[in-house]
C-alpha cells in the first residue's frame, strides 16, 4: 500500500494551479520531459488560525512505493501562492520557507518522471495549514521528517492532484 503524505485534519481549503485543473494532465514543461519547472500554486480559504504552511508533492503510483517530488515547509502564514519555477538545489527560499530533499536526492522540485510504459501516475500536491510559526526538522529535511514534525499541528489541508504518463 503506498504511503500517503497528507494529514486530513481540520477543514479542507482550496489549492489550485493556473497550469492544470485538479485531476488533469500536468503540462510537459513541469515534467522531466520538458523544462522540469515547478508549477505556480495558489490557495484560499485556509483556516484563520493557520500560522504557517507545508507542502509535500508525491506520487503514490511509483513502482517501488510512494515517491517524493517536492517538500517546502515553514511557508509564512501571509503567503498565498508559490511562484512557478522555484529555484532548485537551495534550502532557504527568502519569504517562502525552506525546501527539503526529494527522492531524486536533491533539494527542491523534481517534476513528474514516471517509468516509460508504466501508465498514468497521480501526483498529489498536499498543502497543510499549521498551528505553529515554524517546524523544527532534522536535516536533511525529508518528507517523512516534515510529516512527523507536522503531527498534532495541522489545522487544515488542501490537495491538488495532476496526472502524467510517459509512453
N, C-alpha and C. Protein backbone atom coordinates (compact mmCIF):
# COMPACT_ATOMS: atom_id res chain seq x y z
N UNK A 1 0.85 -1.19 0.00
CA UNK A 1 0.00 0.00 0.00
C UNK A 1 0.89 1.25 0.00
N UNK A 2 0.68 2.16 -0.94
CA UNK A 2 1.51 3.37 -0.98
C UNK A 2 1.25 4.27 0.22
N UNK A 3 2.31 4.92 0.66
CA UNK A 3 2.19 5.84 1.79
C UNK A 3 1.58 7.15 1.31
N UNK A 4 0.67 7.68 2.10
CA UNK A 4 0.04 8.96 1.78
C UNK A 4 0.70 10.05 2.61
N UNK A 5 0.97 11.17 1.98
CA UNK A 5 1.64 12.28 2.66
C UNK A 5 0.71 13.47 2.84
N UNK A 6 -0.53 13.17 3.20
CA UNK A 6 -1.47 14.24 3.55
C UNK A 6 -2.13 13.86 4.87
N UNK A 7 -2.10 14.79 5.80
CA UNK A 7 -2.78 14.61 7.08
C UNK A 7 -4.12 15.33 6.96
N UNK A 8 -5.18 14.57 6.86
CA UNK A 8 -6.52 15.14 6.64
C UNK A 8 -7.14 15.54 7.98
N UNK A 9 -6.61 16.64 8.52
CA UNK A 9 -7.08 17.13 9.81
C UNK A 9 -7.55 18.57 9.64
N UNK A 10 -8.62 18.92 10.34
CA UNK A 10 -9.17 20.26 10.21
C UNK A 10 -9.93 20.41 8.91
N UNK A 11 -10.41 21.62 8.64
CA UNK A 11 -11.19 21.84 7.42
C UNK A 11 -10.32 21.79 6.17
N UNK A 12 -10.95 21.38 5.07
CA UNK A 12 -10.25 21.37 3.79
C UNK A 12 -10.41 22.75 3.15
N UNK A 13 -9.32 23.27 2.57
CA UNK A 13 -9.39 24.53 1.84
C UNK A 13 -8.96 24.28 0.40
N UNK A 14 -8.84 25.33 -0.40
CA UNK A 14 -8.67 25.19 -1.85
C UNK A 14 -7.24 25.45 -2.29
N UNK A 15 -6.70 24.52 -3.08
CA UNK A 15 -5.38 24.64 -3.70
C UNK A 15 -5.56 24.46 -5.20
N UNK A 16 -5.08 25.44 -5.99
CA UNK A 16 -5.20 25.37 -7.45
C UNK A 16 -3.86 25.69 -8.10
N UNK A 17 -3.78 25.38 -9.38
CA UNK A 17 -2.65 25.80 -10.21
C UNK A 17 -3.21 26.37 -11.50
N UNK A 18 -2.68 27.52 -11.96
CA UNK A 18 -3.10 28.03 -13.27
C UNK A 18 -2.65 27.12 -14.41
N UNK A 19 -1.71 26.20 -14.14
CA UNK A 19 -1.17 25.33 -15.18
C UNK A 19 -2.06 24.14 -15.51
N UNK A 20 -2.83 23.65 -14.53
CA UNK A 20 -3.68 22.49 -14.77
C UNK A 20 -4.78 22.44 -13.71
N UNK A 21 -5.90 21.84 -14.08
CA UNK A 21 -7.02 21.68 -13.16
C UNK A 21 -6.85 20.37 -12.38
N UNK A 22 -7.49 20.30 -11.23
CA UNK A 22 -7.44 19.10 -10.41
C UNK A 22 -7.88 17.89 -11.24
N UNK A 23 -7.05 16.85 -11.26
CA UNK A 23 -7.35 15.63 -11.99
C UNK A 23 -6.88 15.62 -13.43
N UNK A 24 -6.44 16.76 -13.94
CA UNK A 24 -5.99 16.86 -15.34
C UNK A 24 -4.51 16.49 -15.48
N UNK A 25 -4.07 16.42 -16.72
CA UNK A 25 -2.67 16.13 -17.04
C UNK A 25 -1.80 17.34 -16.71
N UNK A 26 -0.69 17.09 -16.05
CA UNK A 26 0.28 18.13 -15.75
C UNK A 26 1.02 18.46 -17.04
N UNK A 27 1.10 19.74 -17.42
CA UNK A 27 1.77 20.11 -18.67
C UNK A 27 3.24 19.66 -18.70
N UNK A 28 3.68 19.31 -19.87
CA UNK A 28 5.03 18.78 -20.11
C UNK A 28 6.12 19.68 -19.52
N UNK A 29 5.94 21.00 -19.56
CA UNK A 29 7.00 21.90 -19.08
C UNK A 29 7.31 21.71 -17.60
N UNK A 30 6.38 21.11 -16.86
CA UNK A 30 6.58 20.87 -15.43
C UNK A 30 7.12 19.47 -15.15
N UNK A 31 7.51 18.73 -16.20
CA UNK A 31 7.96 17.35 -16.05
C UNK A 31 9.40 17.19 -16.53
N UNK A 32 9.94 15.98 -16.33
CA UNK A 32 11.30 15.68 -16.77
C UNK A 32 11.41 15.65 -18.29
N UNK A 33 10.29 15.56 -18.97
CA UNK A 33 10.30 15.59 -20.44
C UNK A 33 10.29 17.01 -20.99
N UNK A 34 10.11 17.98 -20.12
CA UNK A 34 10.09 19.39 -20.52
C UNK A 34 11.17 20.16 -19.78
N UNK A 35 10.79 21.33 -19.26
CA UNK A 35 11.75 22.19 -18.55
C UNK A 35 11.91 21.83 -17.08
N UNK A 36 11.05 20.94 -16.56
CA UNK A 36 11.10 20.49 -15.17
C UNK A 36 11.02 21.66 -14.19
N UNK A 37 10.15 22.63 -14.49
CA UNK A 37 9.94 23.76 -13.59
C UNK A 37 8.68 23.52 -12.76
N UNK A 38 8.74 23.95 -11.52
CA UNK A 38 7.59 23.78 -10.64
C UNK A 38 6.42 24.64 -11.12
N UNK A 39 5.19 24.13 -10.97
CA UNK A 39 4.02 24.93 -11.34
C UNK A 39 3.70 25.98 -10.28
N UNK A 40 3.03 27.03 -10.70
CA UNK A 40 2.53 28.00 -9.74
C UNK A 40 1.38 27.34 -8.97
N UNK A 41 1.35 27.57 -7.67
CA UNK A 41 0.28 27.06 -6.82
C UNK A 41 -0.32 28.23 -6.06
N UNK A 42 -1.64 28.22 -5.91
CA UNK A 42 -2.35 29.29 -5.20
C UNK A 42 -3.37 28.66 -4.27
N UNK A 43 -3.60 29.28 -3.12
CA UNK A 43 -4.59 28.75 -2.20
C UNK A 43 -5.41 29.84 -1.55
N UNK A 44 -6.60 29.41 -1.09
CA UNK A 44 -7.53 30.32 -0.40
C UNK A 44 -8.43 29.49 0.50
N UNK A 45 -9.07 30.19 1.44
CA UNK A 45 -9.99 29.53 2.35
C UNK A 45 -9.33 28.79 3.49
N UNK A 46 -8.04 29.06 3.70
CA UNK A 46 -7.32 28.40 4.79
C UNK A 46 -7.87 28.86 6.14
N UNK A 47 -7.72 28.05 7.17
CA UNK A 47 -8.24 28.43 8.48
C UNK A 47 -7.58 29.71 9.00
N UNK A 48 -8.33 30.56 9.68
CA UNK A 48 -7.77 31.82 10.18
C UNK A 48 -6.67 31.62 11.22
N UNK A 49 -6.63 30.45 11.85
CA UNK A 49 -5.59 30.19 12.86
C UNK A 49 -4.32 29.57 12.27
N UNK A 50 -4.22 29.51 10.94
CA UNK A 50 -3.00 28.99 10.31
C UNK A 50 -1.85 29.96 10.54
N UNK A 51 -0.75 29.45 11.07
CA UNK A 51 0.43 30.28 11.34
C UNK A 51 1.58 29.98 10.38
N UNK A 52 1.48 28.88 9.63
CA UNK A 52 2.44 28.56 8.58
C UNK A 52 1.85 27.44 7.74
N UNK A 53 2.56 27.10 6.65
CA UNK A 53 2.12 26.04 5.74
C UNK A 53 3.29 25.12 5.42
N UNK A 54 2.96 23.90 4.99
CA UNK A 54 3.95 22.95 4.49
C UNK A 54 3.35 22.21 3.31
N UNK A 55 4.17 22.00 2.27
CA UNK A 55 3.72 21.34 1.05
C UNK A 55 4.56 20.10 0.79
N UNK A 56 3.89 19.00 0.47
CA UNK A 56 4.58 17.78 0.03
C UNK A 56 3.93 17.34 -1.27
N UNK A 57 4.75 17.15 -2.31
CA UNK A 57 4.27 16.63 -3.59
C UNK A 57 4.76 15.19 -3.70
N UNK A 58 3.84 14.27 -3.99
CA UNK A 58 4.23 12.86 -4.04
C UNK A 58 3.46 12.08 -5.10
N UNK A 59 4.05 10.96 -5.52
CA UNK A 59 3.48 10.04 -6.50
C UNK A 59 3.24 8.70 -5.82
N UNK A 60 1.98 8.34 -5.52
CA UNK A 60 1.72 7.06 -4.87
C UNK A 60 1.76 5.87 -5.83
N UNK A 61 1.90 6.14 -7.13
CA UNK A 61 1.86 5.08 -8.14
C UNK A 61 3.24 4.62 -8.59
N UNK A 62 4.29 5.13 -7.98
CA UNK A 62 5.65 4.74 -8.35
C UNK A 62 5.84 3.24 -8.08
N UNK A 63 6.56 2.54 -8.95
CA UNK A 63 6.68 1.08 -8.83
C UNK A 63 7.34 0.60 -7.53
N UNK A 64 8.20 1.41 -6.93
CA UNK A 64 8.89 1.00 -5.70
C UNK A 64 8.26 1.61 -4.45
N UNK A 65 7.05 2.12 -4.57
CA UNK A 65 6.38 2.78 -3.44
C UNK A 65 6.32 4.27 -3.66
N UNK A 66 5.67 4.97 -2.76
CA UNK A 66 5.46 6.41 -2.89
C UNK A 66 6.78 7.14 -3.12
N UNK A 67 6.78 8.04 -4.11
CA UNK A 67 7.98 8.79 -4.50
C UNK A 67 7.74 10.27 -4.22
N UNK A 68 8.67 10.89 -3.51
CA UNK A 68 8.55 12.30 -3.13
C UNK A 68 9.18 13.18 -4.20
N UNK A 69 8.42 14.17 -4.66
CA UNK A 69 8.90 15.08 -5.71
C UNK A 69 9.25 16.47 -5.21
N UNK A 70 8.68 16.89 -4.06
CA UNK A 70 8.92 18.25 -3.60
C UNK A 70 8.50 18.38 -2.15
N UNK A 71 9.29 19.11 -1.38
CA UNK A 71 8.97 19.41 0.01
C UNK A 71 9.30 20.88 0.27
N UNK A 72 8.32 21.65 0.71
CA UNK A 72 8.56 23.02 1.18
C UNK A 72 7.83 23.16 2.52
N UNK A 73 8.53 23.68 3.51
CA UNK A 73 7.92 23.84 4.82
C UNK A 73 8.32 25.21 5.40
N UNK A 74 7.68 25.56 6.51
CA UNK A 74 7.86 26.88 7.13
C UNK A 74 7.50 28.02 6.16
N UNK A 75 6.46 27.77 5.35
CA UNK A 75 5.91 28.80 4.48
C UNK A 75 5.14 29.78 5.38
N UNK A 76 5.47 31.07 5.36
CA UNK A 76 4.79 32.03 6.25
C UNK A 76 3.28 32.07 6.03
N UNK A 77 2.55 32.35 7.10
CA UNK A 77 1.08 32.40 7.05
C UNK A 77 0.57 33.44 6.07
N UNK A 78 1.34 34.48 5.80
CA UNK A 78 0.91 35.55 4.89
C UNK A 78 1.00 35.15 3.42
N UNK A 79 1.70 34.07 3.11
CA UNK A 79 1.89 33.63 1.72
C UNK A 79 0.63 32.93 1.23
N UNK A 80 0.19 33.26 0.01
CA UNK A 80 -0.99 32.64 -0.59
C UNK A 80 -0.69 31.96 -1.92
N UNK A 81 0.60 31.96 -2.32
CA UNK A 81 0.96 31.30 -3.57
C UNK A 81 2.44 30.96 -3.58
N UNK A 82 2.78 29.98 -4.39
CA UNK A 82 4.16 29.61 -4.66
C UNK A 82 4.36 29.87 -6.15
N UNK A 83 5.35 30.69 -6.52
CA UNK A 83 5.50 31.04 -7.93
C UNK A 83 5.97 29.86 -8.78
N UNK A 84 5.76 29.97 -10.07
CA UNK A 84 6.29 28.97 -10.99
C UNK A 84 7.81 29.07 -11.00
N UNK A 85 8.46 27.94 -11.18
CA UNK A 85 9.90 27.93 -11.35
C UNK A 85 10.70 28.23 -10.10
N UNK A 86 10.28 27.69 -8.96
CA UNK A 86 11.04 27.89 -7.72
C UNK A 86 12.45 27.31 -7.92
N UNK A 87 13.43 28.05 -7.43
CA UNK A 87 14.83 27.65 -7.58
C UNK A 87 15.08 26.29 -6.95
N UNK A 88 15.87 25.47 -7.65
CA UNK A 88 16.24 24.14 -7.15
C UNK A 88 17.59 24.22 -6.45
N UNK A 89 17.90 23.15 -5.74
CA UNK A 89 19.22 22.99 -5.11
C UNK A 89 19.51 24.02 -4.03
N UNK A 90 18.48 24.71 -3.53
CA UNK A 90 18.67 25.63 -2.41
C UNK A 90 17.67 25.26 -1.32
N UNK A 91 18.12 25.37 -0.08
CA UNK A 91 17.23 25.06 1.03
C UNK A 91 16.37 26.26 1.40
N UNK A 92 16.99 27.41 1.59
CA UNK A 92 16.27 28.59 2.05
C UNK A 92 15.71 29.38 0.87
N UNK A 93 14.42 29.64 0.93
CA UNK A 93 13.74 30.45 -0.07
C UNK A 93 13.22 31.69 0.64
N UNK A 94 13.93 32.82 0.53
CA UNK A 94 13.53 34.03 1.26
C UNK A 94 12.06 34.39 1.02
N UNK A 95 11.32 34.55 2.12
CA UNK A 95 9.91 34.89 2.04
C UNK A 95 8.99 33.73 1.72
N UNK A 96 9.58 32.54 1.47
CA UNK A 96 8.77 31.40 1.04
C UNK A 96 8.97 30.16 1.90
N UNK A 97 10.00 30.14 2.74
CA UNK A 97 10.23 28.98 3.60
C UNK A 97 11.48 28.23 3.25
N UNK A 98 11.46 26.92 3.53
CA UNK A 98 12.62 26.06 3.31
C UNK A 98 12.22 24.86 2.47
N UNK A 99 13.14 24.42 1.61
CA UNK A 99 12.89 23.23 0.79
C UNK A 99 13.60 22.03 1.40
N UNK A 100 12.94 20.89 1.30
CA UNK A 100 13.53 19.64 1.73
C UNK A 100 14.05 18.88 0.52
N UNK A 101 14.55 17.70 0.82
CA UNK A 101 15.14 16.85 -0.22
C UNK A 101 14.06 15.95 -0.82
N UNK A 102 14.12 15.77 -2.13
CA UNK A 102 13.16 14.89 -2.80
C UNK A 102 13.78 13.51 -2.99
N UNK A 103 13.02 12.58 -3.55
CA UNK A 103 13.54 11.22 -3.73
C UNK A 103 14.47 11.08 -4.92
N UNK A 104 14.66 12.16 -5.68
CA UNK A 104 15.72 12.16 -6.70
C UNK A 104 17.08 12.40 -6.02
N UNK A 105 17.02 12.90 -4.76
CA UNK A 105 18.24 13.11 -3.99
C UNK A 105 18.73 14.53 -3.92
N UNK A 106 17.92 15.50 -4.36
CA UNK A 106 18.35 16.90 -4.29
C UNK A 106 17.25 17.77 -3.70
N UNK A 107 17.63 18.98 -3.30
CA UNK A 107 16.69 19.95 -2.74
C UNK A 107 15.82 20.53 -3.85
N UNK A 108 14.56 20.74 -3.54
CA UNK A 108 13.68 21.43 -4.47
C UNK A 108 12.78 20.50 -5.26
N UNK A 109 12.21 21.08 -6.30
CA UNK A 109 11.21 20.41 -7.13
C UNK A 109 11.87 19.45 -8.11
N UNK A 110 11.31 18.26 -8.19
CA UNK A 110 11.65 17.29 -9.23
C UNK A 110 10.35 16.88 -9.87
N UNK A 111 10.15 17.25 -11.11
CA UNK A 111 8.87 17.04 -11.76
C UNK A 111 8.52 15.60 -12.04
N UNK A 112 7.27 15.36 -12.44
CA UNK A 112 6.83 14.02 -12.79
C UNK A 112 7.76 13.38 -13.83
N UNK A 113 8.11 12.12 -13.57
CA UNK A 113 9.02 11.40 -14.47
C UNK A 113 8.80 9.90 -14.29
N UNK A 114 7.57 9.43 -14.52
CA UNK A 114 7.30 8.01 -14.29
C UNK A 114 8.03 7.13 -15.30
N UNK A 115 8.25 5.87 -14.98
CA UNK A 115 8.89 4.97 -15.95
C UNK A 115 8.07 4.91 -17.24
N UNK A 116 8.75 4.87 -18.35
CA UNK A 116 8.06 4.76 -19.65
C UNK A 116 7.24 3.48 -19.69
N UNK A 117 6.01 3.60 -20.21
CA UNK A 117 5.14 2.45 -20.35
C UNK A 117 4.50 1.97 -19.06
N UNK A 118 4.65 2.70 -17.96
CA UNK A 118 4.10 2.29 -16.67
C UNK A 118 2.66 2.76 -16.48
N UNK A 119 2.15 3.50 -17.47
CA UNK A 119 0.78 4.00 -17.36
C UNK A 119 0.74 5.33 -16.64
N UNK A 120 -0.48 5.86 -16.48
CA UNK A 120 -0.61 7.17 -15.83
C UNK A 120 -0.30 7.09 -14.34
N UNK A 121 0.39 8.11 -13.86
CA UNK A 121 0.67 8.25 -12.43
C UNK A 121 -0.07 9.48 -11.92
N UNK A 122 -0.44 9.44 -10.65
CA UNK A 122 -1.08 10.58 -9.99
C UNK A 122 -0.02 11.31 -9.15
N UNK A 123 -0.09 12.63 -9.20
CA UNK A 123 0.85 13.47 -8.45
C UNK A 123 0.04 14.38 -7.54
N UNK A 124 0.19 14.18 -6.24
CA UNK A 124 -0.55 14.94 -5.25
C UNK A 124 0.30 16.07 -4.70
N UNK A 125 -0.27 17.26 -4.68
CA UNK A 125 0.31 18.42 -4.01
C UNK A 125 -0.52 18.57 -2.73
N UNK A 126 0.05 18.21 -1.60
CA UNK A 126 -0.67 18.25 -0.32
C UNK A 126 -0.16 19.42 0.50
N UNK A 127 -1.01 20.42 0.69
CA UNK A 127 -0.66 21.61 1.45
C UNK A 127 -1.33 21.54 2.81
N UNK A 128 -0.55 21.74 3.86
CA UNK A 128 -1.06 21.69 5.22
C UNK A 128 -0.96 23.06 5.87
N UNK A 129 -2.05 23.49 6.50
CA UNK A 129 -2.05 24.69 7.33
C UNK A 129 -1.68 24.24 8.74
N UNK A 130 -0.74 24.96 9.35
CA UNK A 130 -0.20 24.53 10.64
C UNK A 130 -0.45 25.55 11.74
N UNK A 131 -0.50 25.07 12.97
CA UNK A 131 -0.77 25.93 14.13
C UNK A 131 0.49 26.55 14.72
N UNK A 132 1.64 26.33 14.09
CA UNK A 132 2.92 26.86 14.59
C UNK A 132 3.56 27.74 13.51
N UNK A 133 4.41 28.67 13.96
CA UNK A 133 5.11 29.56 13.02
C UNK A 133 6.15 28.81 12.20
N UNK A 134 6.77 27.81 12.80
CA UNK A 134 7.79 27.04 12.08
C UNK A 134 7.91 25.65 12.68
N UNK A 135 8.36 24.72 11.83
CA UNK A 135 8.61 23.35 12.26
C UNK A 135 10.11 23.19 12.49
N UNK A 136 10.45 22.43 13.49
CA UNK A 136 11.84 22.06 13.71
C UNK A 136 12.05 20.70 13.07
N UNK A 137 12.83 20.67 11.99
CA UNK A 137 13.02 19.45 11.21
C UNK A 137 14.51 19.14 11.12
N UNK A 138 14.88 17.91 11.48
CA UNK A 138 16.28 17.49 11.38
C UNK A 138 16.69 17.41 9.92
N UNK A 139 17.90 17.88 9.61
CA UNK A 139 18.41 17.87 8.24
C UNK A 139 19.06 16.53 7.92
N UNK A 140 19.03 16.05 6.70
CA UNK A 140 18.29 16.67 5.61
C UNK A 140 16.79 16.52 5.82
N UNK A 141 16.06 17.56 5.47
CA UNK A 141 14.61 17.59 5.68
C UNK A 141 13.93 16.74 4.61
N UNK A 142 13.57 15.53 4.97
CA UNK A 142 12.84 14.64 4.07
C UNK A 142 11.34 14.82 4.30
N UNK A 143 10.54 14.31 3.38
CA UNK A 143 9.08 14.37 3.55
C UNK A 143 8.66 13.65 4.82
N UNK A 144 9.28 12.52 5.12
CA UNK A 144 8.91 11.75 6.32
C UNK A 144 9.19 12.57 7.58
N UNK A 145 10.31 13.28 7.61
CA UNK A 145 10.65 14.09 8.79
C UNK A 145 9.71 15.29 8.92
N UNK A 146 9.37 15.90 7.79
CA UNK A 146 8.43 17.03 7.82
C UNK A 146 7.05 16.54 8.26
N UNK A 147 6.61 15.41 7.72
CA UNK A 147 5.32 14.84 8.09
C UNK A 147 5.27 14.56 9.60
N UNK A 148 6.33 13.99 10.13
CA UNK A 148 6.39 13.68 11.56
C UNK A 148 6.34 14.97 12.39
N UNK A 149 7.07 16.00 11.95
CA UNK A 149 7.08 17.28 12.67
C UNK A 149 5.71 17.96 12.65
N UNK A 150 4.90 17.68 11.61
CA UNK A 150 3.57 18.29 11.48
C UNK A 150 2.52 17.65 12.38
N UNK A 151 2.75 16.42 12.81
CA UNK A 151 1.73 15.68 13.57
C UNK A 151 1.28 16.48 14.79
N UNK A 152 -0.03 16.61 14.93
CA UNK A 152 -0.61 17.35 16.05
C UNK A 152 -0.65 18.85 15.84
N UNK A 153 -0.17 19.32 14.69
CA UNK A 153 -0.11 20.76 14.43
C UNK A 153 -0.93 21.17 13.20
N UNK A 154 -1.58 20.22 12.54
CA UNK A 154 -2.34 20.51 11.32
C UNK A 154 -3.71 21.06 11.69
N UNK A 155 -4.04 22.24 11.13
CA UNK A 155 -5.35 22.85 11.39
C UNK A 155 -6.21 22.93 10.12
N UNK A 156 -5.68 22.45 9.00
CA UNK A 156 -6.40 22.42 7.74
C UNK A 156 -5.51 21.87 6.65
N UNK A 157 -6.12 21.49 5.54
CA UNK A 157 -5.34 20.90 4.45
C UNK A 157 -6.02 21.18 3.11
N UNK A 158 -5.22 21.09 2.06
CA UNK A 158 -5.73 21.24 0.69
C UNK A 158 -4.94 20.28 -0.19
N UNK A 159 -5.61 19.71 -1.19
CA UNK A 159 -4.95 18.75 -2.07
C UNK A 159 -5.29 19.08 -3.52
N UNK A 160 -4.26 19.08 -4.35
CA UNK A 160 -4.41 19.22 -5.80
C UNK A 160 -3.74 18.00 -6.42
N UNK A 161 -4.42 17.35 -7.37
CA UNK A 161 -3.86 16.16 -8.00
C UNK A 161 -3.79 16.36 -9.50
N UNK A 162 -2.62 16.05 -10.06
CA UNK A 162 -2.44 16.06 -11.51
C UNK A 162 -1.94 14.69 -11.95
N UNK A 163 -2.04 14.44 -13.25
CA UNK A 163 -1.62 13.14 -13.79
C UNK A 163 -0.54 13.34 -14.85
N UNK A 164 0.27 12.28 -15.03
CA UNK A 164 1.27 12.31 -16.10
C UNK A 164 1.68 10.88 -16.41
N UNK A 165 1.94 10.62 -17.69
CA UNK A 165 2.47 9.32 -18.09
C UNK A 165 3.44 9.50 -19.24
N UNK A 166 4.34 8.55 -19.37
CA UNK A 166 5.33 8.55 -20.46
C UNK A 166 5.18 7.25 -21.23
N UNK A 167 5.10 7.35 -22.57
CA UNK A 167 4.95 6.12 -23.36
C UNK A 167 6.26 5.70 -23.99
